Structures are given as C-alpha cells and as structure tokens.
Amino acid sequence: MIQIKKLRSIAYSLLFLALAACGGNHSNEPDNPTPEATVMLRGGDLSELTYIERMGGKFYDNGVAQDCIEILKRYGFNIARLRLYNDPGNPAFSPSNRLPAGIQNPEDILRLARRVKAAGMQIQLTFHYSDYWTNAGEQTKPHEWEGLSYAALKQAVYDFTFDFMSQMKAQGTTPEYVSLGNETGGGLLFPDGDYNHFAQMAELFNQGYDAVKAVAPDAIVIIHLPDAGNRDTFDWFFGELKKHGGKYDMIGASYYPFWTKKTVDEMRSWADYISTKWNKEIFIMETAYKWHPTLPDGVSPGQLVDNGPYETIYPSSPQGQHDFMVELVAGIKKVAGGRVKGFLYWDPIMIAVPGVGWELGGPNVVSNATLFDFDGRALPALEVFGNDFFE
C-alpha cells in the first residue's frame, strides 16, 4: 500500500467511468463449490524484513530482542505474505533504481520463504510483475519486458511465473496462495493489460494462472483489488473478467478504514454479497490501523491520515489499534459460511529505522501503523492473532 496512493483516486474514477460504459447484469451461476470451513488465516506482509534487518532494525517481546518471525509465530501468525519484484534496485533502470538493491527480488524472497516455512507458516506469494510498486493506478512493466509485443509479453508472464514457482517448489516452500499482480483494479502491465483492454488483461491473468497450476496444482490463485466494501467496482471487474474468460480461485481485497471509509460491519455485508454473487471465497489481502497519531517526527500523520469511521471510536493508540483488530476479527467470523478465508496485516514489521523509506530517500510512512512500536517492541494488537480470538 505504500506505493503512490494519490493514484488511487484517479484509478477509481476511471473504473467508475468504465462501470457506466459497461453496465449490464452478470450471471450468478456458481464457479466453484464452497470449500469446507478451515482455520482462519491470520498474518501479514513480511516482504520488507530483510531491508529492516539490514538497516539495523531489531524486534522485541517482553524486553528481549528476538527473531521477528519467531515473535509473530508465537503470537499466532500462521501465514506470511511475500511480494516479488522482477528486478528491483537495479541502478541502470527507472523506476527500479528508486528501490534498494537486493530487497524483494527473487533471491531475497526465496530466503524469506525458507525462514517463513521453517517457522511453520503458510505463504501467500504476490507477483507484482514489475520492478517497482504497483497498485490500481500504477502498473509499470519490468524493464526487461518493455518493448515486447503482446504475444511476447504473454509468454514472459508465463515463463517468469513458472520459473519462480519452480524455484519455490524446489526448495520446499511452494506457496499455498498466489496473487497475480497487486491491487489490479485498473489492470496490470499497463498499457497492454489495463481496463481499456480487458480481454488482454484476462489473457495475461490466465498466463499467470496456468503457470502457477503447472507447478502447484493445489495452490489457490487470487485476483486482488483495493477498496473492500465497494460492490459496484467488484461487480464490474469480476463480471468483465468472467465475460473474457479470466481464471482465478479466490477474490482478494484490501480493507483499510482510512482508504475505504467503511466500517467492519459494512465490509462484512459486502463480503456476504460478493462471495455469494461470484461463489468465491475472499481473502483480506491488506488491512492496517494507526497505533500512533503521527510518525516519529511528531508532525506527519503518515500514510493513513486517520482511521476513517473509527477515528473517534478507537483512538490512534496501541489500545485503539488492538480494539479495532478485535472488531475486525469478530466481523470476519460473522461472514456467512465462513467465506472470508482470513486477513493479512500491512506492513506489520516496517518499523522506524534510520534510512528506511517507502523508496530510496523517501520517508517510512507506515511506521505508526505497524504491529511493533517505533523502537521495535511488540504492540498489544499482536495478541489478537492468538487462538483465543479464533475459537
């Protein structure tokens, strides 16, 4: 979510224009059966962990410095999200050169995957299909894919996905969940796969889907959009995806009170509707809540300017963050048929460490919405990941 959020409003406006243009009703016929109830997945995005540790960041529980993944596991994390870029941090190309070298590239994600699996967690792997942050409004192609014909681009998506999935499998860390792109509300690999070229977008998704299944037939493939709670956008997008033969197994969605302006109850009602309409389970791919009003500078509110409809209900404090998470878990558990598979917290471990920013030279805009405080100490919200809240 750190990536250039101002583009979000532009992307949403474009999507609503497309809604008006496309319109139409979509079939409610089932795409797949409802899976049996399983243990709720709860975890977070650990993709920046190497960066934090490299820059000197340390994590504490009960006053003792400990391995971050072990702390999270002990509190109840049972899944970790790992986001993959093609060639981030390459100084010869822009915007790759705006990210640190050796972070979230294939080698780094393979290392993190081994640590996560050793802790007994499942893995949610996200292919960004970019050298840089992607979201609903920005989907920059990897520099190696610039200038490719559309046919060659499709092959590149398949080959890259198949190759990395094969590497994950070879080291015993096959991901249980794989998302194709990040917050692809406007499409992916612009301009070839943007919402103006929906048939091509669907084909690109299918290339990724087929490559994942060729390596790991049981992996659950996710298409991830922002703005959980927005029925119109999800109806339009997944209606168009179905019309053009797009393949996926699960709907992913980002839910932030600040960005969505929706309460947990409104999100739950949306989840009941969307999961029924498309007969798909849902994964809350991103969520976060401020535990402090400002970043360490005491001035900037950070990426989450406020906590949306909860701003005056649960203060931006450690206890307020904890109480929101309690409500979120309770709301997810109320979704009909248990059809929200679980949730992933963003970005739980990107603590305030000198030199760490959302890009090189930029500020760390999420350090007041992590699950550790500015000094790396575990916050009360971590308690909500424990079994007591999921029985």
Protein backbone atom coordinates (compact mmCIF):
# COMPACT_ATOMS: atom_id res chain seq x y z
CA MET A 1 0.00 0.00 0.00
CA ILE A 2 2.94 2.37 0.41
CA GLN A 3 3.06 2.99 -3.31
CA ILE A 4 1.88 6.39 -4.51
CA LYS A 5 -1.62 6.30 -3.07
CA LYS A 6 -2.69 9.53 -4.73
CA LEU A 7 -3.08 7.48 -7.91
CA ARG A 8 -5.82 5.53 -6.18
CA SER A 9 -8.45 8.23 -6.64
CA ILE A 10 -7.56 8.54 -10.32
CA ALA A 11 -7.87 4.81 -10.82
CA TYR A 12 -11.23 4.68 -9.06
CA SER A 13 -12.59 7.47 -11.23
CA LEU A 14 -11.54 5.57 -14.33
CA LEU A 15 -13.14 2.42 -13.02
CA PHE A 16 -16.45 4.12 -12.38
CA LEU A 17 -16.41 5.57 -15.89
CA ALA A 18 -15.90 2.04 -17.14
CA LEU A 19 -18.79 0.88 -14.97
CA ALA A 20 -21.08 3.36 -16.59
CA ALA A 21 -19.91 2.35 -20.04
CA CYS A 22 -20.05 -1.39 -19.48
CA GLY A 23 -23.12 -1.78 -17.28
CA GLY A 24 -25.10 -4.96 -17.67
CA ASN A 25 -26.12 -7.77 -15.39
CA HIS A 26 -23.91 -10.74 -14.73
CA SER A 27 -24.85 -14.33 -14.08
CA ASN A 28 -24.94 -15.62 -10.53
CA GLU A 29 -24.16 -19.16 -11.62
CA PRO A 30 -21.60 -20.89 -9.37
CA ASP A 31 -17.98 -21.06 -10.47
CA ASN A 32 -16.79 -23.45 -7.80
CA PRO A 33 -18.21 -25.16 -4.72
CA THR A 34 -17.95 -23.66 -1.25
CA PRO A 35 -14.89 -25.18 0.48
CA GLU A 36 -15.22 -26.73 3.91
CA ALA A 37 -14.53 -24.45 6.86
CA THR A 38 -10.87 -24.30 7.89
CA VAL A 39 -8.78 -22.45 10.45
CA MET A 40 -8.82 -18.74 9.73
CA LEU A 41 -5.59 -17.48 8.21
CA ARG A 42 -4.07 -14.51 10.01
CA GLY A 43 -0.74 -12.99 9.23
CA GLY A 44 0.91 -10.09 7.49
CA ASP A 45 3.29 -8.83 4.84
CA LEU A 46 6.92 -9.62 5.74
CA SER A 47 8.42 -8.58 2.42
CA GLU A 48 10.48 -5.70 3.88
CA LEU A 49 12.04 -7.78 6.67
CA THR A 50 15.45 -8.16 5.03
CA TYR A 51 15.57 -4.38 4.50
CA ILE A 52 14.68 -3.63 8.11
CA GLU A 53 17.21 -6.11 9.46
CA ARG A 54 19.95 -4.96 7.07
CA MET A 55 19.48 -1.38 8.27
CA GLY A 56 19.80 -2.38 11.92
CA GLY A 57 16.18 -2.85 12.95
CA LYS A 58 15.53 -5.11 15.93
CA PHE A 59 12.33 -6.59 17.33
CA TYR A 60 11.50 -7.08 20.99
CA ASP A 61 9.00 -9.03 23.03
CA ASN A 62 8.90 -8.66 26.80
CA GLY A 63 12.01 -6.51 26.55
CA VAL A 64 14.10 -9.17 24.84
CA ALA A 65 15.43 -8.87 21.27
CA GLN A 66 14.24 -11.86 19.25
CA ASP A 67 13.83 -13.06 15.68
CA CYS A 68 10.89 -11.19 14.20
CA ILE A 69 9.33 -14.23 12.53
CA GLU A 70 9.54 -16.24 15.74
CA ILE A 71 7.77 -13.46 17.65
CA LEU A 72 4.99 -13.33 15.07
CA LYS A 73 4.62 -17.10 15.04
CA ARG A 74 4.36 -17.21 18.82
CA TYR A 75 1.59 -14.60 18.79
CA GLY A 76 -0.42 -16.57 16.24
CA PHE A 77 0.69 -15.69 12.71
CA ASN A 78 0.05 -18.74 10.51
CA ILE A 79 0.71 -17.15 7.11
CA ALA A 80 3.10 -14.58 5.66
CA ARG A 81 2.71 -12.53 2.54
CA LEU A 82 5.81 -12.20 0.36
CA ARG A 83 5.77 -9.77 -2.60
CA LEU A 84 8.07 -10.36 -5.54
CA TYR A 85 9.50 -7.82 -7.98
CA ASN A 86 11.34 -8.80 -11.15
CA ASP A 87 14.49 -6.66 -10.84
CA PRO A 88 14.15 -4.05 -8.08
CA GLY A 89 17.07 -1.87 -7.07
CA ASN A 90 18.82 -2.03 -10.44
CA PRO A 91 20.65 1.33 -10.74
CA ALA A 92 20.60 1.20 -14.55
CA PHE A 93 16.81 1.45 -14.88
CA SER A 94 13.98 3.65 -13.63
CA PRO A 95 11.84 3.21 -11.57
CA SER A 96 13.78 0.10 -10.43
CA ASN A 97 16.54 2.40 -9.19
CA ARG A 98 14.16 4.01 -6.71
CA LEU A 99 14.15 0.85 -4.57
CA PRO A 100 17.01 -0.64 -2.53
CA ALA A 101 19.09 -3.34 -4.18
CA GLY A 102 18.66 -6.92 -3.03
CA ILE A 103 15.25 -6.41 -1.46
CA GLN A 104 12.15 -8.28 -2.71
CA ASN A 105 13.99 -9.67 -5.70
CA PRO A 106 13.82 -13.42 -6.39
CA GLU A 107 16.85 -14.26 -4.23
CA ASP A 108 15.52 -12.29 -1.24
CA ILE A 109 12.03 -13.75 -1.44
CA LEU A 110 13.45 -17.28 -1.66
CA ARG A 111 15.44 -16.63 1.53
CA LEU A 112 12.43 -15.20 3.34
CA ALA A 113 10.29 -18.11 2.17
CA ARG A 114 12.71 -20.56 3.78
CA ARG A 115 12.53 -18.67 7.09
CA VAL A 116 8.74 -18.50 6.98
CA LYS A 117 8.35 -22.19 6.22
CA ALA A 118 10.85 -23.11 8.96
CA ALA A 119 8.53 -21.29 11.38
CA GLY A 120 5.61 -23.43 10.21
CA MET A 121 3.71 -20.68 8.42
CA GLN A 122 1.94 -20.85 5.08
CA ILE A 123 2.96 -18.48 2.28
CA GLN A 124 0.96 -16.02 0.23
CA LEU A 125 3.15 -15.09 -2.74
CA THR A 126 2.38 -11.95 -4.75
CA PHE A 127 3.79 -11.44 -8.24
CA HIS A 128 3.99 -7.70 -8.87
CA TYR A 129 5.11 -8.22 -12.49
CA SER A 130 7.11 -5.02 -12.14
CA ASP A 131 10.43 -3.70 -10.85
CA TYR A 132 8.58 -1.21 -8.64
CA TRP A 133 5.48 -0.67 -6.53
CA THR A 134 2.20 -1.41 -8.31
CA ASN A 135 -1.39 -0.56 -7.40
CA ALA A 136 -4.69 0.29 -9.07
CA GLY A 137 -3.22 3.34 -10.78
CA GLU A 138 0.37 2.31 -11.49
CA GLN A 139 1.46 -0.94 -13.13
CA THR A 140 4.88 -0.32 -14.67
CA LYS A 141 6.28 -3.17 -16.75
CA PRO A 142 9.62 -4.72 -15.75
CA HIS A 143 12.41 -3.10 -17.76
CA GLU A 144 13.17 -6.42 -19.47
CA TRP A 145 9.60 -6.55 -20.79
CA GLU A 146 9.49 -3.03 -22.22
CA GLY A 147 9.03 -3.07 -25.95
CA LEU A 148 7.83 -6.67 -26.12
CA SER A 149 4.99 -7.48 -28.46
CA TYR A 150 1.78 -8.51 -26.76
CA ALA A 151 2.39 -12.15 -27.70
CA ALA A 152 5.89 -11.98 -26.24
CA LEU A 153 4.57 -10.26 -23.11
CA LYS A 154 2.14 -13.11 -22.50
CA GLN A 155 4.97 -15.61 -22.82
CA ALA A 156 7.13 -13.56 -20.46
CA VAL A 157 4.40 -13.63 -17.80
CA TYR A 158 4.09 -17.40 -18.11
CA ASP A 159 7.83 -18.05 -18.12
CA PHE A 160 8.62 -15.75 -15.16
CA THR A 161 5.77 -17.19 -13.09
CA PHE A 162 6.63 -20.79 -13.93
CA ASP A 163 10.33 -20.27 -13.24
CA PHE A 164 9.90 -18.67 -9.83
CA MET A 165 7.20 -21.11 -8.75
CA SER A 166 9.57 -23.91 -9.75
CA GLN A 167 12.33 -22.40 -7.60
CA MET A 168 9.95 -22.13 -4.67
CA LYS A 169 8.90 -25.75 -5.09
CA ALA A 170 12.48 -26.98 -5.45
CA GLN A 171 13.45 -25.56 -2.06
CA GLY A 172 10.34 -26.93 -0.34
CA THR A 173 8.48 -23.62 0.01
CA THR A 174 5.68 -23.96 -2.53
CA PRO A 175 3.20 -21.16 -1.71
CA GLU A 176 -0.30 -22.15 -0.71
CA TYR A 177 -1.74 -18.89 -2.08
CA VAL A 178 -0.54 -16.90 -5.11
CA SER A 179 -1.83 -13.49 -6.20
CA LEU A 180 -1.31 -12.30 -9.75
CA GLY A 181 -0.42 -8.63 -9.50
CA ASN A 182 -1.06 -6.25 -6.62
CA GLU A 183 -4.29 -4.25 -6.35
CA THR A 184 -5.09 -4.74 -10.02
CA GLY A 185 -8.31 -2.73 -10.04
CA GLY A 186 -7.16 -0.95 -13.18
CA GLY A 187 -5.44 -3.99 -14.66
CA LEU A 188 -1.77 -4.97 -14.87
CA LEU A 189 1.23 -4.42 -17.12
CA PHE A 190 0.00 -1.09 -18.48
CA PRO A 191 -0.97 -0.31 -21.15
CA ASP A 192 -1.42 -3.79 -22.65
CA GLY A 193 -3.39 -5.14 -19.70
CA ASP A 194 -5.22 -2.06 -18.44
CA TYR A 195 -9.01 -1.89 -18.08
CA ASN A 196 -9.35 -0.47 -21.61
CA HIS A 197 -8.02 -3.81 -22.88
CA PHE A 198 -9.93 -6.18 -20.62
CA ALA A 199 -9.71 -9.16 -22.97
CA GLN A 200 -5.92 -8.83 -22.94
CA MET A 201 -5.92 -8.33 -19.18
CA ALA A 202 -7.81 -11.60 -18.76
CA GLU A 203 -5.34 -13.39 -21.03
CA LEU A 204 -2.41 -12.08 -19.02
CA PHE A 205 -4.04 -13.26 -15.80
CA ASN A 206 -4.60 -16.64 -17.43
CA GLN A 207 -0.94 -16.91 -18.36
CA GLY A 208 -0.03 -16.45 -14.72
CA TYR A 209 -2.79 -18.80 -13.57
CA ASP A 210 -1.73 -21.58 -15.92
CA ALA A 211 1.94 -21.23 -14.92
CA VAL A 212 1.09 -21.43 -11.21
CA LYS A 213 -1.07 -24.53 -11.72
CA ALA A 214 1.57 -26.21 -13.90
CA VAL A 215 3.92 -26.18 -10.91
CA ALA A 216 1.49 -26.29 -7.98
CA PRO A 217 -1.98 -27.57 -8.96
CA ASP A 218 -3.28 -27.13 -5.41
CA ALA A 219 -2.16 -23.51 -5.00
CA ILE A 220 -5.04 -21.04 -4.67
CA VAL A 221 -4.76 -18.24 -7.23
CA ILE A 222 -6.02 -14.82 -6.14
CA ILE A 223 -7.00 -11.69 -8.06
CA HIS A 224 -6.55 -8.77 -5.68
CA LEU A 225 -8.40 -5.42 -5.86
CA PRO A 226 -8.42 -2.44 -3.49
CA ASP A 227 -11.48 -0.96 -1.77
CA ALA A 228 -13.25 -3.82 0.02
CA GLY A 229 -16.81 -2.68 0.58
CA ASN A 230 -17.32 -1.23 -2.90
CA ARG A 231 -19.90 -3.51 -4.53
CA ASP A 232 -20.02 -1.70 -7.87
CA THR A 233 -16.30 -1.95 -8.56
CA PHE A 234 -16.08 -5.63 -7.67
CA ASP A 235 -19.25 -6.44 -9.61
CA TRP A 236 -17.95 -4.68 -12.69
CA PHE A 237 -14.42 -6.06 -12.54
CA PHE A 238 -15.25 -9.69 -11.87
CA GLY A 239 -18.15 -9.52 -14.29
CA GLU A 240 -15.81 -8.36 -17.04
CA LEU A 241 -13.21 -10.91 -16.02
CA LYS A 242 -15.77 -13.69 -16.31
CA LYS A 243 -17.03 -12.40 -19.64
CA HIS A 244 -13.50 -12.57 -21.02
CA GLY A 245 -12.71 -16.00 -19.59
CA GLY A 246 -10.40 -14.92 -16.77
CA LYS A 247 -9.39 -17.72 -14.41
CA TYR A 248 -8.89 -17.39 -10.66
CA ASP A 249 -9.78 -19.26 -7.47
CA MET A 250 -10.28 -16.57 -4.84
CA ILE A 251 -11.09 -12.86 -4.57
CA GLY A 252 -8.53 -10.72 -2.75
CA ALA A 253 -9.37 -7.30 -1.34
CA SER A 254 -7.68 -4.52 0.62
CA TYR A 255 -9.65 -3.21 3.60
CA TYR A 256 -8.45 -0.08 5.37
CA PRO A 257 -10.88 2.09 7.33
CA PHE A 258 -8.99 5.15 6.07
CA TRP A 259 -8.98 4.28 2.36
CA THR A 260 -12.36 2.56 2.13
CA LYS A 261 -14.28 4.74 4.63
CA LYS A 262 -16.20 1.58 5.54
CA THR A 263 -16.85 0.04 8.94
CA VAL A 264 -16.19 -3.63 9.62
CA ASP A 265 -19.92 -4.28 9.51
CA GLU A 266 -20.17 -2.64 6.08
CA MET A 267 -17.22 -4.71 4.90
CA ARG A 268 -18.88 -7.86 6.25
CA SER A 269 -22.11 -7.08 4.39
CA TRP A 270 -20.08 -6.54 1.20
CA ALA A 271 -18.28 -9.85 1.72
CA ASP A 272 -21.60 -11.69 2.13
CA TYR A 273 -22.82 -10.18 -1.13
CA ILE A 274 -19.66 -10.61 -3.21
CA SER A 275 -18.89 -14.16 -2.06
CA THR A 276 -22.46 -15.19 -2.85
CA LYS A 277 -22.63 -13.43 -6.21
CA TRP A 278 -19.39 -14.89 -7.53
CA ASN A 279 -19.35 -18.03 -5.37
CA LYS A 280 -15.77 -17.41 -4.36
CA GLU A 281 -14.01 -17.22 -1.03
CA ILE A 282 -12.42 -13.87 -0.11
CA PHE A 283 -9.02 -13.08 1.37
CA ILE A 284 -8.46 -9.68 3.02
CA MET A 285 -5.04 -9.13 1.49
CA GLU A 286 -4.26 -5.88 3.31
CA THR A 287 -5.51 -4.10 6.40
CA ALA A 288 -3.93 -1.68 8.87
CA TYR A 289 -4.75 0.75 11.67
CA LYS A 290 -2.68 3.57 13.18
CA TRP A 291 -1.42 2.98 16.72
CA HIS A 292 0.06 6.50 16.93
CA PRO A 293 -1.31 9.78 15.50
CA THR A 294 1.96 10.71 13.80
CA LEU A 295 5.22 9.33 12.52
CA PRO A 296 8.24 9.67 14.86
CA ASP A 297 8.70 13.28 13.70
CA GLY A 298 5.62 14.19 15.70
CA VAL A 299 4.13 16.04 12.72
CA SER A 300 3.32 13.86 9.73
CA PRO A 301 0.21 11.69 10.10
CA GLY A 302 1.78 9.03 7.90
CA GLN A 303 0.20 7.23 5.01
CA LEU A 304 -3.01 6.62 6.92
CA VAL A 305 -4.04 10.20 7.60
CA ASP A 306 -6.70 8.99 10.01
CA ASN A 307 -8.58 5.81 10.87
CA GLY A 308 -11.67 6.55 8.83
CA PRO A 309 -15.02 5.91 10.54
CA TYR A 310 -13.20 4.66 13.65
CA GLU A 311 -11.22 7.84 14.23
CA THR A 312 -13.34 8.89 17.21
CA ILE A 313 -14.22 5.35 18.33
CA TYR A 314 -10.80 3.75 18.68
CA PRO A 315 -8.08 6.39 19.20
CA SER A 316 -4.81 6.19 17.31
CA SER A 317 -3.13 4.42 20.19
CA PRO A 318 -1.86 0.92 20.96
CA GLN A 319 -5.14 0.12 22.69
CA GLY A 320 -7.18 1.63 19.86
CA GLN A 321 -5.33 -0.49 17.30
CA HIS A 322 -5.95 -3.56 19.45
CA ASP A 323 -9.66 -2.82 19.78
CA PHE A 324 -10.10 -2.29 16.05
CA MET A 325 -8.42 -5.62 15.35
CA VAL A 326 -10.78 -7.32 17.81
CA GLU A 327 -13.74 -5.89 15.90
CA LEU A 328 -12.23 -6.86 12.55
CA VAL A 329 -11.73 -10.49 13.59
CA ALA A 330 -15.25 -10.66 15.03
CA GLY A 331 -16.69 -9.22 11.82
CA ILE A 332 -14.81 -11.66 9.60
CA LYS A 333 -16.06 -14.56 11.70
CA LYS A 334 -19.64 -13.41 11.06
CA VAL A 335 -19.37 -13.61 7.25
CA ALA A 336 -21.89 -16.17 6.02
CA GLY A 337 -20.42 -19.63 5.51
CA GLY A 338 -17.01 -18.55 6.79
CA ARG A 339 -16.25 -17.34 3.27
CA VAL A 340 -13.60 -14.80 4.26
CA LYS A 341 -10.55 -17.06 4.44
CA GLY A 342 -8.55 -14.71 6.61
CA PHE A 343 -6.56 -11.48 6.60
CA LEU A 344 -3.05 -10.12 6.14
CA TYR A 345 -1.79 -7.05 8.01
CA TRP A 346 0.13 -4.33 6.15
CA ASP A 347 3.04 -3.62 6.87
CA PRO A 348 3.46 -5.11 10.35
CA ILE A 349 7.25 -5.07 10.53
CA MET A 350 8.30 -1.87 8.70
CA ILE A 351 9.35 -0.14 11.91
CA ALA A 352 11.08 3.23 12.24
CA VAL A 353 14.71 2.56 11.34
CA PRO A 354 17.06 5.33 10.11
CA GLY A 355 17.48 5.14 6.35
CA VAL A 356 14.39 3.02 5.70
CA GLY A 357 11.74 4.58 3.47
CA TRP A 358 8.99 3.55 1.11
CA GLU A 359 11.56 4.23 -1.61
CA LEU A 360 15.17 5.40 -1.51
CA GLY A 361 15.30 8.84 0.05
CA GLY A 362 11.61 8.73 0.96
CA PRO A 363 10.11 8.57 4.45
CA ASN A 364 8.84 5.46 6.17
CA VAL A 365 5.16 6.39 6.04
CA VAL A 366 3.79 3.30 7.80
CA SER A 367 5.87 3.16 10.97
CA ASN A 368 2.87 4.35 13.02
CA ALA A 369 0.63 1.57 11.70
CA THR A 370 2.91 -1.43 12.31
CA LEU A 371 2.46 -4.20 14.91
CA PHE A 372 5.65 -3.07 16.69
CA ASP A 373 6.26 0.40 18.10
CA PHE A 374 8.89 2.90 16.94
CA ASP A 375 11.51 1.02 19.00
CA GLY A 376 10.53 -2.41 17.69
CA ARG A 377 8.57 -3.54 20.75
CA ALA A 378 5.57 -5.82 20.22
CA LEU A 379 2.24 -3.97 20.46
CA PRO A 380 -0.97 -5.23 22.13
CA ALA A 381 -2.67 -5.78 18.75
CA LEU A 382 -0.48 -8.84 18.25
CA GLU A 383 -2.48 -10.56 20.97
CA VAL A 384 -5.49 -10.56 18.63
CA PHE A 385 -3.69 -13.03 16.34
CA GLY A 386 -3.79 -15.68 19.07
CA ASN A 387 -6.07 -18.70 19.16
CA ASP A 388 -8.28 -17.21 21.87
CA PHE A 389 -9.79 -14.87 19.26
CA PHE A 390 -10.40 -17.58 16.68
CA GLU A 391 -12.13 -20.34 18.62
